[in-house]
Amino acid sequence: MRAYDQLHEIALDQHGLVTTDQARHHNVDPRAVIMMARRGKLRRLTNGVYLDTGAPTTKWTPYLAAALWPKRSRAVLSHTTALSLMDISDVNPALIHVTVPNPYRTHRTVPKTIRLHHSDLREDEVTYIEGLPVTTAARSIRDCATKGIGPAFLAQALDDARRDGWLRDTEANALEGELRAGGYL
């Protein structure tokens, strides 16, 4: 199979995106990726993340690009971005919030569209939406509370998450009590 065909198959499953790490994993030389970009088959979005110009993009493409940006590290969409993706409150984040593990450090400039947060997330604090790693509703609401999102948005997120099934009633009630006790509501 040709190098482009291999990358195209990956991109079809990833909202039009492929990374240089994925190319290496499939024995595609990174220089071949650069050549594909020069020929217009791929378009470099950020360091190591490429858009396949022959694959369809979706509304999820920018979010996956942000989650793929931290090389060789788990990255999870979080905070107000997670609330927005779950459609649980009227927050409209200007940046895409991404949480990476505490030890993660980079010498690369963080893209202007990404707000990077550090935290060691547990497996039960991560869910998936359209293949995108996203913090759970409970974790997202807690993160937003500690970052100063207003009580009206927090209350709305709790109500919407309960209504839409992102939180069971018992979880929502416990989280509401926790937020009240912390002075966030």
N, C-alpha and C. Protein backbone atom coordinates (compact mmCIF):
# COMPACT_ATOMS: atom_id res chain seq x y z
N MET A 1 0.84 -1.17 0.00
CA MET A 1 0.00 0.00 0.00
C MET A 1 0.89 1.24 0.00
N ARG A 2 0.54 2.20 -0.82
CA ARG A 2 1.31 3.45 -0.90
C ARG A 2 1.22 4.22 0.40
N ALA A 3 2.25 5.02 0.66
CA ALA A 3 2.33 5.78 1.91
C ALA A 3 1.09 6.67 2.09
N TYR A 4 0.71 7.40 1.04
CA TYR A 4 -0.45 8.28 1.17
C TYR A 4 -1.70 7.48 1.47
N ASP A 5 -1.86 6.34 0.83
CA ASP A 5 -3.06 5.52 1.07
C ASP A 5 -3.14 5.08 2.53
N GLN A 6 -2.00 4.75 3.12
CA GLN A 6 -1.98 4.37 4.53
C GLN A 6 -2.43 5.53 5.41
N LEU A 7 -1.90 6.71 5.14
CA LEU A 7 -2.26 7.88 5.94
C LEU A 7 -3.70 8.30 5.69
N HIS A 8 -4.15 8.14 4.46
CA HIS A 8 -5.53 8.48 4.12
C HIS A 8 -6.51 7.60 4.90
N GLU A 9 -6.19 6.32 5.05
CA GLU A 9 -7.04 5.41 5.82
C GLU A 9 -7.14 5.87 7.27
N ILE A 10 -6.04 6.30 7.84
CA ILE A 10 -6.05 6.81 9.22
C ILE A 10 -6.91 8.07 9.30
N ALA A 11 -6.70 8.99 8.36
CA ALA A 11 -7.43 10.26 8.37
C ALA A 11 -8.94 10.06 8.23
N LEU A 12 -9.34 9.07 7.48
CA LEU A 12 -10.77 8.81 7.32
C LEU A 12 -11.43 8.46 8.64
N ASP A 13 -10.68 7.84 9.54
CA ASP A 13 -11.21 7.47 10.86
C ASP A 13 -11.00 8.56 11.91
N GLN A 14 -10.30 9.64 11.55
CA GLN A 14 -9.93 10.68 12.52
C GLN A 14 -10.33 12.07 12.06
N HIS A 15 -11.51 12.20 11.53
CA HIS A 15 -12.05 13.51 11.14
C HIS A 15 -11.09 14.25 10.21
N GLY A 16 -10.37 13.50 9.36
CA GLY A 16 -9.49 14.10 8.36
C GLY A 16 -8.06 14.33 8.80
N LEU A 17 -7.69 13.85 10.00
CA LEU A 17 -6.37 14.17 10.56
C LEU A 17 -5.46 12.96 10.66
N VAL A 18 -4.17 13.24 10.62
CA VAL A 18 -3.14 12.22 10.80
C VAL A 18 -1.93 12.90 11.44
N THR A 19 -1.16 12.15 12.21
CA THR A 19 0.03 12.72 12.86
C THR A 19 1.29 12.08 12.31
N THR A 20 2.41 12.75 12.52
CA THR A 20 3.68 12.18 12.10
C THR A 20 4.00 10.93 12.93
N ASP A 21 3.59 10.90 14.20
CA ASP A 21 3.79 9.70 15.02
C ASP A 21 3.02 8.52 14.44
N GLN A 22 1.81 8.76 13.97
CA GLN A 22 1.02 7.69 13.35
C GLN A 22 1.67 7.24 12.04
N ALA A 23 2.22 8.20 11.30
CA ALA A 23 2.92 7.85 10.06
C ALA A 23 4.11 6.94 10.37
N ARG A 24 4.90 7.30 11.37
CA ARG A 24 6.04 6.46 11.76
C ARG A 24 5.59 5.07 12.17
N HIS A 25 4.51 5.01 12.93
CA HIS A 25 3.97 3.72 13.39
C HIS A 25 3.59 2.82 12.21
N HIS A 26 3.22 3.43 11.10
CA HIS A 26 2.86 2.68 9.89
C HIS A 26 4.01 2.65 8.88
N ASN A 27 5.22 2.88 9.38
CA ASN A 27 6.44 2.81 8.56
C ASN A 27 6.45 3.79 7.39
N VAL A 28 5.83 4.95 7.60
CA VAL A 28 5.88 6.01 6.60
C VAL A 28 6.92 7.01 7.10
N ASP A 29 7.93 7.25 6.31
CA ASP A 29 9.01 8.16 6.66
C ASP A 29 8.46 9.57 6.85
N PRO A 30 8.84 10.26 7.92
CA PRO A 30 8.37 11.64 8.14
C PRO A 30 8.69 12.57 6.96
N ARG A 31 9.77 12.28 6.25
CA ARG A 31 10.09 13.10 5.07
C ARG A 31 9.04 12.93 3.99
N ALA A 32 8.45 11.74 3.91
CA ALA A 32 7.37 11.51 2.95
C ALA A 32 6.15 12.35 3.31
N VAL A 33 5.91 12.51 4.61
CA VAL A 33 4.79 13.34 5.06
C VAL A 33 5.03 14.78 4.61
N ILE A 34 6.25 15.26 4.76
CA ILE A 34 6.59 16.63 4.33
C ILE A 34 6.39 16.78 2.83
N MET A 35 6.79 15.79 2.07
CA MET A 35 6.61 15.84 0.61
C MET A 35 5.13 15.84 0.25
N MET A 36 4.33 15.05 0.96
CA MET A 36 2.88 15.04 0.70
C MET A 36 2.29 16.42 0.97
N ALA A 37 2.80 17.09 2.00
CA ALA A 37 2.33 18.44 2.31
C ALA A 37 2.74 19.41 1.20
N ARG A 38 3.94 19.27 0.69
CA ARG A 38 4.39 20.16 -0.41
C ARG A 38 3.56 19.96 -1.67
N ARG A 39 3.10 18.74 -1.87
CA ARG A 39 2.29 18.42 -3.06
C ARG A 39 0.81 18.75 -2.85
N GLY A 40 0.45 19.14 -1.64
CA GLY A 40 -0.93 19.52 -1.38
C GLY A 40 -1.85 18.38 -0.96
N LYS A 41 -1.31 17.19 -0.78
CA LYS A 41 -2.14 16.07 -0.32
C LYS A 41 -2.43 16.18 1.17
N LEU A 42 -1.49 16.76 1.91
CA LEU A 42 -1.66 17.02 3.34
C LEU A 42 -1.44 18.51 3.57
N ARG A 43 -2.05 19.03 4.63
CA ARG A 43 -1.81 20.41 5.03
C ARG A 43 -1.43 20.41 6.50
N ARG A 44 -0.28 20.99 6.80
CA ARG A 44 0.22 21.05 8.18
C ARG A 44 -0.64 22.00 8.99
N LEU A 45 -1.23 21.50 10.08
CA LEU A 45 -2.01 22.35 10.97
C LEU A 45 -1.16 22.88 12.10
N THR A 46 -0.43 21.99 12.75
CA THR A 46 0.51 22.34 13.81
C THR A 46 1.65 21.34 13.72
N ASN A 47 2.64 21.52 14.55
CA ASN A 47 3.78 20.61 14.57
C ASN A 47 3.31 19.18 14.77
N GLY A 48 3.47 18.35 13.75
CA GLY A 48 3.14 16.93 13.86
C GLY A 48 1.71 16.56 13.55
N VAL A 49 0.83 17.52 13.27
CA VAL A 49 -0.57 17.23 12.97
C VAL A 49 -0.89 17.77 11.58
N TYR A 50 -1.42 16.87 10.74
CA TYR A 50 -1.71 17.21 9.35
C TYR A 50 -3.16 16.91 9.01
N LEU A 51 -3.70 17.72 8.12
CA LEU A 51 -5.03 17.52 7.58
C LEU A 51 -4.88 16.88 6.21
N ASP A 52 -5.57 15.77 5.99
CA ASP A 52 -5.58 15.11 4.69
C ASP A 52 -6.58 15.86 3.82
N THR A 53 -6.09 16.54 2.78
CA THR A 53 -6.97 17.35 1.94
C THR A 53 -7.95 16.51 1.13
N GLY A 54 -7.72 15.21 1.06
CA GLY A 54 -8.64 14.32 0.34
C GLY A 54 -9.65 13.64 1.24
N ALA A 55 -9.62 13.92 2.52
CA ALA A 55 -10.55 13.30 3.48
C ALA A 55 -11.55 14.35 3.95
N PRO A 56 -12.77 13.93 4.21
CA PRO A 56 -13.75 14.90 4.70
C PRO A 56 -13.43 15.36 6.13
N THR A 57 -13.67 16.62 6.39
CA THR A 57 -13.53 17.15 7.74
C THR A 57 -14.92 17.21 8.37
N THR A 58 -14.95 17.36 9.68
CA THR A 58 -16.20 17.44 10.41
C THR A 58 -16.12 18.59 11.39
N LYS A 59 -17.20 18.84 12.09
CA LYS A 59 -17.16 19.89 13.12
C LYS A 59 -16.23 19.49 14.26
N TRP A 60 -15.85 18.21 14.33
CA TRP A 60 -14.99 17.69 15.38
C TRP A 60 -13.50 17.85 15.05
N THR A 61 -13.17 18.15 13.81
CA THR A 61 -11.77 18.20 13.36
C THR A 61 -10.90 19.14 14.21
N PRO A 62 -11.31 20.39 14.47
CA PRO A 62 -10.44 21.26 15.27
C PRO A 62 -10.20 20.74 16.69
N TYR A 63 -11.20 20.06 17.23
CA TYR A 63 -11.06 19.51 18.59
C TYR A 63 -10.07 18.35 18.61
N LEU A 64 -10.17 17.48 17.61
CA LEU A 64 -9.22 16.37 17.55
C LEU A 64 -7.81 16.90 17.29
N ALA A 65 -7.69 17.91 16.46
CA ALA A 65 -6.37 18.51 16.20
C ALA A 65 -5.75 19.00 17.51
N ALA A 66 -6.56 19.62 18.35
CA ALA A 66 -6.06 20.10 19.65
C ALA A 66 -5.66 18.94 20.55
N ALA A 67 -6.44 17.86 20.52
CA ALA A 67 -6.13 16.70 21.36
C ALA A 67 -4.90 15.95 20.86
N LEU A 68 -4.61 16.03 19.57
CA LEU A 68 -3.44 15.37 18.99
C LEU A 68 -2.17 16.20 19.13
N TRP A 69 -2.31 17.50 19.36
CA TRP A 69 -1.15 18.38 19.37
C TRP A 69 -0.07 17.97 20.37
N PRO A 70 -0.40 17.65 21.64
CA PRO A 70 0.67 17.27 22.57
C PRO A 70 1.28 15.92 22.16
N LYS A 71 2.43 15.96 21.57
CA LYS A 71 3.06 14.74 21.08
C LYS A 71 3.37 13.76 22.20
N ARG A 72 3.13 12.50 21.91
CA ARG A 72 3.48 11.39 22.80
C ARG A 72 2.95 11.56 24.22
N SER A 73 1.81 12.19 24.34
CA SER A 73 1.20 12.36 25.65
C SER A 73 -0.31 12.29 25.50
N ARG A 74 -0.94 11.76 26.51
CA ARG A 74 -2.40 11.70 26.51
C ARG A 74 -2.93 13.12 26.69
N ALA A 75 -3.82 13.52 25.82
CA ALA A 75 -4.45 14.83 25.91
C ALA A 75 -5.96 14.63 25.86
N VAL A 76 -6.66 15.33 26.74
CA VAL A 76 -8.10 15.17 26.86
C VAL A 76 -8.76 16.55 26.79
N LEU A 77 -9.79 16.67 25.99
CA LEU A 77 -10.54 17.91 25.91
C LEU A 77 -11.26 18.12 27.24
N SER A 78 -11.22 19.33 27.76
CA SER A 78 -11.68 19.53 29.14
C SER A 78 -12.28 20.91 29.34
N HIS A 79 -12.62 21.16 30.60
CA HIS A 79 -13.13 22.45 31.07
C HIS A 79 -14.34 22.90 30.24
N THR A 80 -14.40 24.16 29.85
CA THR A 80 -15.57 24.65 29.12
C THR A 80 -15.70 24.01 27.75
N THR A 81 -14.59 23.56 27.17
CA THR A 81 -14.68 22.86 25.89
C THR A 81 -15.48 21.58 26.05
N ALA A 82 -15.24 20.84 27.11
CA ALA A 82 -15.98 19.61 27.36
C ALA A 82 -17.46 19.91 27.57
N LEU A 83 -17.77 20.96 28.35
CA LEU A 83 -19.18 21.33 28.54
C LEU A 83 -19.84 21.65 27.21
N SER A 84 -19.13 22.38 26.37
CA SER A 84 -19.67 22.74 25.06
C SER A 84 -19.89 21.51 24.19
N LEU A 85 -18.93 20.59 24.18
CA LEU A 85 -19.07 19.38 23.36
C LEU A 85 -20.24 18.51 23.82
N MET A 86 -20.50 18.52 25.13
CA MET A 86 -21.63 17.76 25.68
C MET A 86 -22.93 18.55 25.57
N ASP A 87 -22.82 19.82 25.20
CA ASP A 87 -23.97 20.72 25.10
C ASP A 87 -24.69 20.85 26.44
N ILE A 88 -23.88 21.01 27.50
CA ILE A 88 -24.45 21.17 28.83
C ILE A 88 -24.07 22.52 29.42
N SER A 89 -24.67 23.52 28.94
CA SER A 89 -24.62 24.91 29.38
C SER A 89 -24.41 25.76 28.15
N ASP A 90 -24.58 27.04 28.35
CA ASP A 90 -24.45 27.97 27.23
C ASP A 90 -23.05 28.55 27.11
N VAL A 91 -22.06 27.91 27.75
CA VAL A 91 -20.70 28.41 27.63
C VAL A 91 -20.27 28.34 26.17
N ASN A 92 -19.49 29.30 25.77
CA ASN A 92 -18.99 29.36 24.40
C ASN A 92 -17.50 29.70 24.47
N PRO A 93 -16.66 28.68 24.73
CA PRO A 93 -15.25 28.96 24.95
C PRO A 93 -14.56 29.51 23.70
N ALA A 94 -13.72 30.51 23.92
CA ALA A 94 -12.96 31.11 22.83
C ALA A 94 -11.77 30.23 22.44
N LEU A 95 -11.30 29.41 23.39
CA LEU A 95 -10.16 28.53 23.17
C LEU A 95 -10.58 27.09 23.37
N ILE A 96 -9.80 26.16 22.84
CA ILE A 96 -10.03 24.74 23.07
C ILE A 96 -9.18 24.34 24.27
N HIS A 97 -9.85 23.91 25.33
CA HIS A 97 -9.16 23.53 26.56
C HIS A 97 -8.76 22.06 26.50
N VAL A 98 -7.49 21.79 26.79
CA VAL A 98 -6.93 20.45 26.72
C VAL A 98 -6.16 20.20 28.02
N THR A 99 -6.42 19.04 28.62
CA THR A 99 -5.69 18.66 29.83
C THR A 99 -4.69 17.56 29.49
N VAL A 100 -3.46 17.77 29.94
CA VAL A 100 -2.37 16.80 29.75
C VAL A 100 -1.87 16.38 31.13
N PRO A 101 -1.16 15.26 31.22
CA PRO A 101 -0.64 14.83 32.53
C PRO A 101 0.30 15.86 33.15
N ASN A 102 0.37 15.86 34.48
CA ASN A 102 1.23 16.82 35.20
C ASN A 102 2.67 16.85 34.71
N PRO A 103 3.29 15.70 34.44
CA PRO A 103 4.70 15.77 34.03
C PRO A 103 4.93 16.33 32.62
N TYR A 104 3.87 16.49 31.83
CA TYR A 104 4.03 16.91 30.43
C TYR A 104 4.63 18.31 30.34
N ARG A 105 5.67 18.41 29.55
CA ARG A 105 6.30 19.70 29.25
C ARG A 105 6.63 19.71 27.77
N THR A 106 6.62 20.90 27.19
CA THR A 106 6.95 21.03 25.78
C THR A 106 7.81 22.27 25.57
N HIS A 107 8.64 22.20 24.58
CA HIS A 107 9.43 23.37 24.19
C HIS A 107 8.79 24.06 23.00
N ARG A 108 7.77 23.40 22.46
CA ARG A 108 7.05 23.99 21.32
C ARG A 108 6.08 25.05 21.85
N THR A 109 5.80 26.02 21.03
CA THR A 109 4.83 27.04 21.37
C THR A 109 3.44 26.44 21.28
N VAL A 110 2.66 26.63 22.33
CA VAL A 110 1.29 26.14 22.33
C VAL A 110 0.49 26.96 21.32
N PRO A 111 -0.25 26.32 20.42
CA PRO A 111 -1.05 27.09 19.45
C PRO A 111 -1.99 28.07 20.15
N LYS A 112 -2.23 29.19 19.52
CA LYS A 112 -3.05 30.24 20.11
C LYS A 112 -4.49 29.80 20.35
N THR A 113 -4.91 28.73 19.71
CA THR A 113 -6.29 28.25 19.86
C THR A 113 -6.46 27.29 21.03
N ILE A 114 -5.35 26.92 21.68
CA ILE A 114 -5.39 25.91 22.74
C ILE A 114 -5.03 26.52 24.09
N ARG A 115 -5.79 26.16 25.12
CA ARG A 115 -5.45 26.49 26.51
C ARG A 115 -5.06 25.17 27.16
N LEU A 116 -3.82 25.07 27.58
CA LEU A 116 -3.29 23.83 28.15
C LEU A 116 -3.44 23.82 29.67
N HIS A 117 -3.94 22.71 30.20
CA HIS A 117 -4.07 22.49 31.64
C HIS A 117 -3.32 21.22 31.99
N HIS A 118 -2.82 21.13 33.20
CA HIS A 118 -2.09 19.94 33.66
C HIS A 118 -2.84 19.27 34.80
N SER A 119 -3.08 17.98 34.67
CA SER A 119 -3.71 17.19 35.73
C SER A 119 -3.59 15.72 35.36
N ASP A 120 -3.40 14.89 36.35
CA ASP A 120 -3.36 13.45 36.11
C ASP A 120 -4.78 12.90 36.22
N LEU A 121 -5.41 12.74 35.08
CA LEU A 121 -6.80 12.26 35.04
C LEU A 121 -6.86 10.76 35.25
N ARG A 122 -7.86 10.33 36.00
CA ARG A 122 -8.12 8.90 36.16
C ARG A 122 -8.93 8.42 34.95
N GLU A 123 -8.87 7.14 34.70
CA GLU A 123 -9.63 6.57 33.57
C GLU A 123 -11.12 6.87 33.67
N ASP A 124 -11.66 6.83 34.89
CA ASP A 124 -13.09 7.06 35.06
C ASP A 124 -13.47 8.54 34.93
N GLU A 125 -12.50 9.41 34.68
CA GLU A 125 -12.78 10.83 34.46
C GLU A 125 -12.74 11.20 32.98
N VAL A 126 -12.62 10.19 32.12
CA VAL A 126 -12.53 10.42 30.68
C VAL A 126 -13.62 9.61 29.98
N THR A 127 -14.28 10.26 29.04
CA THR A 127 -15.26 9.60 28.20
C THR A 127 -14.90 9.94 26.74
N TYR A 128 -15.69 9.45 25.80
CA TYR A 128 -15.41 9.71 24.38
C TYR A 128 -16.67 10.20 23.69
N ILE A 129 -16.50 11.23 22.89
CA ILE A 129 -17.58 11.77 22.07
C ILE A 129 -17.06 11.80 20.64
N GLU A 130 -17.69 11.04 19.76
CA GLU A 130 -17.26 10.96 18.36
C GLU A 130 -15.78 10.63 18.24
N GLY A 131 -15.30 9.78 19.13
CA GLY A 131 -13.90 9.36 19.11
C GLY A 131 -12.95 10.33 19.78
N LEU A 132 -13.46 11.42 20.32
CA LEU A 132 -12.62 12.42 20.97
C LEU A 132 -12.56 12.16 22.47
N PRO A 133 -11.36 12.19 23.06
CA PRO A 133 -11.27 12.04 24.52
C PRO A 133 -11.72 13.33 25.21
N VAL A 134 -12.67 13.19 26.11
CA VAL A 134 -13.28 14.34 26.77
C VAL A 134 -13.43 14.02 28.26
N THR A 135 -13.17 14.99 29.12
CA THR A 135 -13.42 14.75 30.54
C THR A 135 -14.92 14.57 30.76
N THR A 136 -15.25 13.75 31.73
CA THR A 136 -16.65 13.48 32.04
C THR A 136 -17.35 14.77 32.48
N ALA A 137 -18.67 14.73 32.51
CA ALA A 137 -19.44 15.91 32.92
C ALA A 137 -19.05 16.33 34.32
N ALA A 138 -18.98 15.38 35.25
CA ALA A 138 -18.64 15.73 36.64
C ALA A 138 -17.27 16.37 36.72
N ARG A 139 -16.28 15.78 36.08
CA ARG A 139 -14.92 16.33 36.12
C ARG A 139 -14.88 17.71 35.45
N SER A 140 -15.58 17.85 34.34
CA SER A 140 -15.59 19.13 33.62
C SER A 140 -16.21 20.24 34.46
N ILE A 141 -17.31 19.92 35.14
CA ILE A 141 -17.98 20.91 35.98
C ILE A 141 -17.08 21.30 37.14
N ARG A 142 -16.43 20.32 37.76
CA ARG A 142 -15.48 20.62 38.85
C ARG A 142 -14.34 21.51 38.36
N ASP A 143 -13.77 21.15 37.20
CA ASP A 143 -12.68 21.95 36.64
C ASP A 143 -13.12 23.38 36.38
N CYS A 144 -14.31 23.53 35.82
CA CYS A 144 -14.82 24.88 35.53
C CYS A 144 -15.05 25.67 36.81
N ALA A 145 -15.53 24.99 37.83
CA ALA A 145 -15.76 25.68 39.11
C ALA A 145 -14.45 26.23 39.66
N THR A 146 -13.40 25.42 39.63
CA THR A 146 -12.12 25.87 40.20
C THR A 146 -11.44 26.92 39.33
N LYS A 147 -11.84 27.04 38.08
CA LYS A 147 -11.26 28.06 37.20
C LYS A 147 -12.11 29.32 37.14
N GLY A 148 -13.18 29.37 37.97
CA GLY A 148 -13.92 30.61 38.11
C GLY A 148 -15.11 30.80 37.18
N ILE A 149 -15.60 29.76 36.54
CA ILE A 149 -16.80 29.94 35.73
C ILE A 149 -17.94 30.33 36.67
N GLY A 150 -18.84 31.16 36.21
CA GLY A 150 -19.91 31.69 37.05
C GLY A 150 -20.89 30.65 37.55
N PRO A 151 -21.50 30.93 38.70
CA PRO A 151 -22.45 29.97 39.28
C PRO A 151 -23.65 29.67 38.38
N ALA A 152 -24.07 30.64 37.59
CA ALA A 152 -25.21 30.40 36.69
C ALA A 152 -24.85 29.33 35.66
N PHE A 153 -23.65 29.41 35.10
CA PHE A 153 -23.21 28.39 34.14
C PHE A 153 -23.05 27.03 34.81
N LEU A 154 -22.53 27.01 36.03
CA LEU A 154 -22.37 25.75 36.75
C LEU A 154 -23.72 25.11 37.03
N ALA A 155 -24.68 25.91 37.50
CA ALA A 155 -26.02 25.38 37.78
C ALA A 155 -26.66 24.87 36.50
N GLN A 156 -26.50 25.61 35.42
CA GLN A 156 -27.06 25.18 34.14
C GLN A 156 -26.40 23.89 33.67
N ALA A 157 -25.08 23.79 33.82
CA ALA A 157 -24.37 22.58 33.42
C ALA A 157 -24.87 21.38 34.21
N LEU A 158 -25.07 21.56 35.52
CA LEU A 158 -25.59 20.48 36.35
C LEU A 158 -26.98 20.04 35.88
N ASP A 159 -27.85 21.02 35.67
CA ASP A 159 -29.22 20.70 35.23
C ASP A 159 -29.23 20.02 33.86
N ASP A 160 -28.46 20.57 32.93
CA ASP A 160 -28.41 19.99 31.58
C ASP A 160 -27.80 18.59 31.59
N ALA A 161 -26.75 18.41 32.38
CA ALA A 161 -26.09 17.10 32.44
C ALA A 161 -27.04 16.05 33.02
N ARG A 162 -27.80 16.43 34.00
CA ARG A 162 -28.79 15.53 34.59
C ARG A 162 -29.88 15.21 33.56
N ARG A 163 -30.40 16.24 32.93
CA ARG A 163 -31.48 16.07 31.94
C ARG A 163 -31.04 15.21 30.75
N ASP A 164 -29.80 15.43 30.28
CA ASP A 164 -29.34 14.75 29.07
C ASP A 164 -28.64 13.42 29.34
N GLY A 165 -28.57 13.01 30.60
CA GLY A 165 -28.01 11.71 30.93
C GLY A 165 -26.50 11.66 31.10
N TRP A 166 -25.85 12.81 31.14
CA TRP A 166 -24.40 12.83 31.39
C TRP A 166 -24.09 12.56 32.86
N LEU A 167 -25.07 12.85 33.73
CA LEU A 167 -24.94 12.58 35.17
C LEU A 167 -26.22 11.90 35.65
N ARG A 168 -26.07 10.87 36.47
CA ARG A 168 -27.24 10.29 37.14
C ARG A 168 -27.68 11.25 38.23
N ASP A 169 -28.92 11.13 38.66
CA ASP A 169 -29.44 12.03 39.69
C ASP A 169 -28.58 12.02 40.95
N THR A 170 -28.16 10.83 41.37
CA THR A 170 -27.35 10.75 42.59
C THR A 170 -26.01 11.46 42.41
N GLU A 171 -25.40 11.31 41.24
CA GLU A 171 -24.12 12.00 40.97
C GLU A 171 -24.33 13.51 40.94
N ALA A 172 -25.39 13.94 40.27
CA ALA A 172 -25.67 15.37 40.15
C ALA A 172 -25.95 15.98 41.53
N ASN A 173 -26.72 15.28 42.35
CA ASN A 173 -27.02 15.78 43.69
C ASN A 173 -25.75 15.90 44.54
N ALA A 174 -24.91 14.87 44.48
CA ALA A 174 -23.66 14.88 45.24
C ALA A 174 -22.74 16.01 44.76
N LEU A 175 -22.65 16.19 43.43
CA LEU A 175 -21.80 17.24 42.88
C LEU A 175 -22.35 18.62 43.24
N GLU A 176 -23.65 18.77 43.19
CA GLU A 176 -24.26 20.05 43.58
C GLU A 176 -23.93 20.37 45.03
N GLY A 177 -24.04 19.38 45.91
CA GLY A 177 -23.69 19.59 47.31
C GLY A 177 -22.23 19.97 47.49
N GLU A 178 -21.37 19.31 46.74
CA GLU A 178 -19.93 19.60 46.80
C GLU A 178 -19.65 21.05 46.35
N LEU A 179 -20.31 21.46 45.27
CA LEU A 179 -20.09 22.82 44.75
C LEU A 179 -20.65 23.87 45.72
N ARG A 180 -21.78 23.58 46.32
CA ARG A 180 -22.35 24.51 47.32
C ARG A 180 -21.42 24.63 48.53
N ALA A 181 -20.93 23.49 48.99
CA ALA A 181 -20.03 23.49 50.16
C ALA A 181 -18.73 24.24 49.86
N GLY A 182 -18.28 24.19 48.60
CA GLY A 182 -17.06 24.89 48.21
C GLY A 182 -17.28 26.36 47.89
N GLY A 183 -18.54 26.82 47.93
CA GLY A 183 -18.84 28.22 47.64
C GLY A 183 -18.91 28.56 46.16
N TYR A 184 -19.03 27.54 45.31
CA TYR A 184 -19.07 27.79 43.87
C TYR A 184 -20.48 28.06 43.36
N LEU A 185 -21.50 27.62 44.12
CA LEU A 185 -22.90 27.85 43.73
C LEU A 185 -23.59 28.74 44.75
